[in-house]
Amino acid sequence: MLTLTAVAEDPLVLTQRLSLDDGSEVVFRPLTSADVDHLAAFLEGLSAESRRLSTFDGYDLGAARELCDAVARYDKLRLVLEEVPSGRVVGLLEFSLDLHPSDIARYRRAGIRLTATDCRFGPTLADDYQGRGVGTQVFPLIADVARRFGKRRIILWGGVLTDNPRAIHYYEKQGFRTVGPFAGADGTQALDMILDLHPSRGQQ
C-alpha cells in the first residue's frame, strides 16, 4: 500500500502520461515542492466562477507556496495535470486521506458510517480545460490512486454545490451516488456524494 512519504520520495510511482480525446497530452503526477511558480500561475488564472466552486484558501503565490510546502505532510495528497509540452499546470486534484469530524457526523445522520478506508477528493481544472471531457478521462487514474492508498470509498471534499449541475452530472457519470443535502458554514447549499470503489483487476 502506498504512503505519502513513498510518493514524495518517488513521484514517478503515480506519474502517467495521458492522451486526451482532442489529441493533446497531459502528465498526471504528484505535486512537488518545485511546482510553486506553475501552481501560482494556475491559481491566479482561475476565473471568479471557478474560484467560487473551489475550496482553496487563496489564489496567489503565497497560497501556491503553502500547498507545495505541505507535500508529504498532514494527510493531503495533491496531484497536478501538467500540459505537454508547455509544462503549464492545468489541473489540481486533491485527496484528504483522513476524514473531518463534520463529514463523519453528516454521513452518520444519513445512515452511512465513514471509516479509515474512506477518503475525500476534490478536483479543479483550468477554465480552458473545463467542458472538454478531461475529468472523465482522468477519473480512472484518480480511482486507482485511492485504491493504492487502501481506500474503498471516495466522498467529495466539501460536497458539490447544488447550483453546479455540470459537476453533479459529472460525479453521477463516474458512479457517485447522492447521500443528501447540507448547508455550508457560509449558508451555501451543497450535496454529499459517495463512490464505492470496485477492486481493480490486479486486486481481485
Protein backbone atom coordinates (compact mmCIF):
# COMPACT_ATOMS: atom_id res chain seq x y z
CA MET A 1 0.00 0.00 0.00
CA LEU A 2 1.31 3.46 -0.90
CA THR A 3 2.15 6.15 1.66
CA LEU A 4 2.56 9.92 1.31
CA THR A 5 6.25 9.56 2.17
CA ALA A 6 6.79 6.96 -0.55
CA VAL A 7 5.11 9.21 -3.14
CA ALA A 8 7.19 12.22 -2.05
CA GLU A 9 10.38 10.17 -2.32
CA ASP A 10 9.48 8.79 -5.76
CA PRO A 11 6.75 10.80 -7.53
CA LEU A 12 7.10 8.51 -10.56
CA VAL A 13 5.04 5.83 -8.76
CA LEU A 14 1.95 7.94 -9.52
CA THR A 15 3.10 9.62 -12.74
CA GLN A 16 1.35 8.81 -16.02
CA ARG A 17 1.12 10.44 -19.43
CA LEU A 18 -2.40 10.75 -20.79
CA SER A 19 -3.52 11.41 -24.37
CA LEU A 20 -6.74 13.43 -24.38
CA ASP A 21 -9.57 13.00 -26.87
CA ASP A 22 -8.57 16.17 -28.72
CA GLY A 23 -5.04 14.85 -29.34
CA SER A 24 -3.31 16.94 -26.68
CA GLU A 25 -1.35 15.34 -23.85
CA VAL A 26 -1.09 15.92 -20.12
CA VAL A 27 1.05 14.38 -17.41
CA PHE A 28 -0.79 13.21 -14.30
CA ARG A 29 1.65 13.39 -11.38
CA PRO A 30 2.06 14.30 -7.72
CA LEU A 31 2.56 17.94 -6.78
CA THR A 32 6.18 18.63 -5.78
CA SER A 33 7.90 21.42 -3.87
CA ALA A 34 9.34 22.66 -7.19
CA ASP A 35 5.86 23.45 -8.59
CA VAL A 36 5.34 26.76 -6.75
CA ASP A 37 5.51 29.14 -9.74
CA HIS A 38 3.47 26.94 -12.09
CA LEU A 39 0.87 26.30 -9.40
CA ALA A 40 0.65 30.02 -8.63
CA ALA A 41 0.01 30.74 -12.33
CA PHE A 42 -2.74 28.10 -12.31
CA LEU A 43 -4.45 29.54 -9.22
CA GLU A 44 -4.13 33.14 -10.42
CA GLY A 45 -5.61 32.18 -13.78
CA LEU A 46 -8.84 30.72 -12.40
CA SER A 47 -11.95 32.76 -13.18
CA ALA A 48 -14.22 34.15 -10.48
CA GLU A 49 -16.71 31.34 -11.15
CA SER A 50 -14.05 28.62 -10.88
CA ARG A 51 -12.89 30.16 -7.61
CA ARG A 52 -16.47 30.16 -6.30
CA LEU A 53 -16.69 26.43 -6.97
CA SER A 54 -13.29 25.53 -5.49
CA THR A 55 -12.03 25.19 -1.93
CA PHE A 56 -8.64 26.93 -1.85
CA ASP A 57 -7.65 29.39 0.88
CA GLY A 58 -6.10 31.74 -1.67
CA TYR A 59 -5.23 32.20 -5.35
CA ASP A 60 -1.75 33.71 -5.34
CA LEU A 61 1.91 32.85 -4.91
CA GLY A 62 1.51 32.57 -1.15
CA ALA A 63 -1.27 30.01 -1.49
CA ALA A 64 0.78 28.02 -4.02
CA ARG A 65 3.79 28.06 -1.73
CA GLU A 66 1.65 26.82 1.17
CA LEU A 67 0.34 23.89 -0.89
CA CYS A 68 3.81 22.95 -2.14
CA ASP A 69 5.30 23.20 1.35
CA ALA A 70 2.68 20.70 2.55
CA VAL A 71 3.90 17.87 0.29
CA ALA A 72 4.09 14.64 2.38
CA ARG A 73 2.77 16.49 5.42
CA TYR A 74 -0.59 16.25 7.17
CA ASP A 75 -2.99 13.87 5.40
CA LYS A 76 -3.09 15.56 2.00
CA LEU A 77 -2.14 14.15 -1.38
CA ARG A 78 -2.24 16.63 -4.23
CA LEU A 79 -1.75 15.75 -7.88
CA VAL A 80 -1.47 18.01 -10.89
CA LEU A 81 -2.25 17.79 -14.57
CA GLU A 82 0.67 19.25 -16.50
CA GLU A 83 0.21 20.27 -20.11
CA VAL A 84 2.67 18.78 -22.62
CA PRO A 85 4.97 20.30 -23.83
CA SER A 86 4.42 23.68 -22.13
CA GLY A 87 4.73 22.41 -18.55
CA ARG A 88 1.72 24.54 -17.58
CA VAL A 89 -0.34 23.23 -14.65
CA VAL A 90 -3.94 22.86 -15.89
CA GLY A 91 -5.48 20.88 -13.04
CA LEU A 92 -5.13 20.33 -9.30
CA LEU A 93 -6.60 17.13 -7.83
CA GLU A 94 -6.74 16.93 -4.05
CA PHE A 95 -7.13 13.96 -1.71
CA SER A 96 -7.61 14.16 2.03
CA LEU A 97 -6.74 10.73 3.36
CA ASP A 98 -8.23 11.40 6.80
CA LEU A 99 -11.84 12.38 7.45
CA HIS A 100 -13.13 15.56 9.05
CA PRO A 101 -15.45 15.13 12.08
CA SER A 102 -18.15 17.22 10.38
CA ASP A 103 -18.13 14.82 7.39
CA ILE A 104 -18.37 11.81 9.71
CA ALA A 105 -21.31 13.37 11.57
CA ARG A 106 -23.19 14.36 8.38
CA TYR A 107 -22.84 10.94 6.82
CA ARG A 108 -23.84 9.26 10.07
CA ARG A 109 -27.08 11.25 10.05
CA ALA A 110 -27.66 9.89 6.54
CA GLY A 111 -27.11 6.33 7.78
CA ILE A 112 -23.58 5.90 6.41
CA ARG A 113 -20.65 5.11 8.70
CA LEU A 114 -17.41 6.50 7.33
CA THR A 115 -14.21 4.64 8.23
CA ALA A 116 -10.45 4.84 7.71
CA THR A 117 -10.86 3.24 4.28
CA ASP A 118 -12.76 6.31 3.04
CA CYS A 119 -11.13 9.47 1.65
CA ARG A 120 -12.15 12.93 0.46
CA PHE A 121 -11.50 14.19 -3.07
CA GLY A 122 -11.85 17.49 -4.89
CA PRO A 123 -10.73 18.47 -8.43
CA THR A 124 -10.16 21.87 -10.03
CA LEU A 125 -9.42 22.37 -13.73
CA ALA A 126 -8.15 25.45 -15.55
CA ASP A 127 -11.02 27.27 -17.24
CA ASP A 128 -9.89 26.36 -20.75
CA TYR A 129 -9.79 22.66 -19.79
CA GLN A 130 -13.34 22.56 -18.44
CA GLY A 131 -16.10 21.01 -20.55
CA ARG A 132 -13.63 19.04 -22.69
CA GLY A 133 -14.12 15.63 -21.08
CA VAL A 134 -10.76 15.82 -19.33
CA GLY A 135 -12.24 14.97 -15.93
CA THR A 136 -13.84 11.82 -17.28
CA GLN A 137 -10.60 10.66 -18.92
CA VAL A 138 -8.59 11.32 -15.76
CA PHE A 139 -11.01 9.75 -13.29
CA PRO A 140 -9.84 6.12 -13.70
CA LEU A 141 -6.37 7.29 -12.62
CA ILE A 142 -7.89 9.09 -9.62
CA ALA A 143 -9.81 5.99 -8.56
CA ASP A 144 -6.64 3.91 -8.92
CA VAL A 145 -4.71 6.30 -6.66
CA ALA A 146 -7.37 5.95 -3.96
CA ARG A 147 -7.20 2.15 -4.19
CA ARG A 148 -3.40 2.18 -3.96
CA PHE A 149 -3.72 4.07 -0.68
CA GLY A 150 -6.04 1.36 0.62
CA LYS A 151 -9.26 3.35 0.19
CA ARG A 152 -12.57 1.70 -0.67
CA ARG A 153 -14.82 4.74 -1.00
CA ILE A 154 -14.45 8.38 -2.05
CA ILE A 155 -16.55 11.24 -0.75
CA LEU A 156 -16.49 14.77 -2.13
CA TRP A 157 -14.31 17.31 -0.36
CA GLY A 158 -16.83 19.96 0.75
CA GLY A 159 -19.58 18.28 -1.25
CA VAL A 160 -20.75 19.71 -4.57
CA LEU A 161 -22.78 22.91 -4.75
CA THR A 162 -26.40 22.33 -5.67
CA ASP A 163 -26.21 25.15 -8.24
CA ASN A 164 -23.43 23.34 -10.13
CA PRO A 165 -25.42 20.86 -12.26
CA ARG A 166 -22.50 20.17 -14.59
CA ALA A 167 -20.38 18.90 -11.69
CA ILE A 168 -23.27 16.88 -10.24
CA HIS A 169 -23.77 15.20 -13.62
CA TYR A 170 -20.01 14.54 -13.87
CA TYR A 171 -19.91 12.80 -10.49
CA GLU A 172 -23.03 10.75 -11.27
CA LYS A 173 -21.38 9.68 -14.54
CA GLN A 174 -18.36 8.42 -12.56
CA GLY A 175 -20.63 6.33 -10.32
CA PHE A 176 -21.12 8.62 -7.32
CA ARG A 177 -24.50 8.48 -5.61
CA THR A 178 -26.17 11.30 -3.73
CA VAL A 179 -26.23 10.97 0.06
CA GLY A 180 -28.12 14.15 0.86
CA PRO A 181 -28.10 17.95 1.01
CA PHE A 182 -26.41 20.14 3.60
CA ALA A 183 -25.66 23.82 4.20
CA GLY A 184 -22.07 25.00 4.39
CA ALA A 185 -20.76 27.29 7.13
CA ASP A 186 -21.46 30.27 4.85
CA GLY A 187 -25.00 29.07 4.10
CA THR A 188 -24.25 27.68 0.62
CA GLN A 189 -26.32 24.64 -0.32
CA ALA A 190 -24.41 21.50 -1.26
CA LEU A 191 -24.81 17.78 -1.80
CA ASP A 192 -22.82 14.98 -0.23
CA MET A 193 -21.97 12.24 -2.73
CA ILE A 194 -20.09 8.96 -2.30
CA LEU A 195 -18.46 6.45 -4.62
CA ASP A 196 -17.86 2.77 -3.88
CA LEU A 197 -14.55 1.76 -5.44
CA HIS A 198 -14.58 -1.64 -7.06
CA PRO A 199 -11.27 -3.51 -6.85
CA SER A 200 -9.06 -3.15 -9.90
CA ARG A 201 -8.30 -6.30 -11.81
CA GLY A 202 -4.92 -6.66 -10.11
CA GLN A 203 -6.56 -6.61 -6.67
CA GLN A 204 -9.28 -9.18 -7.31
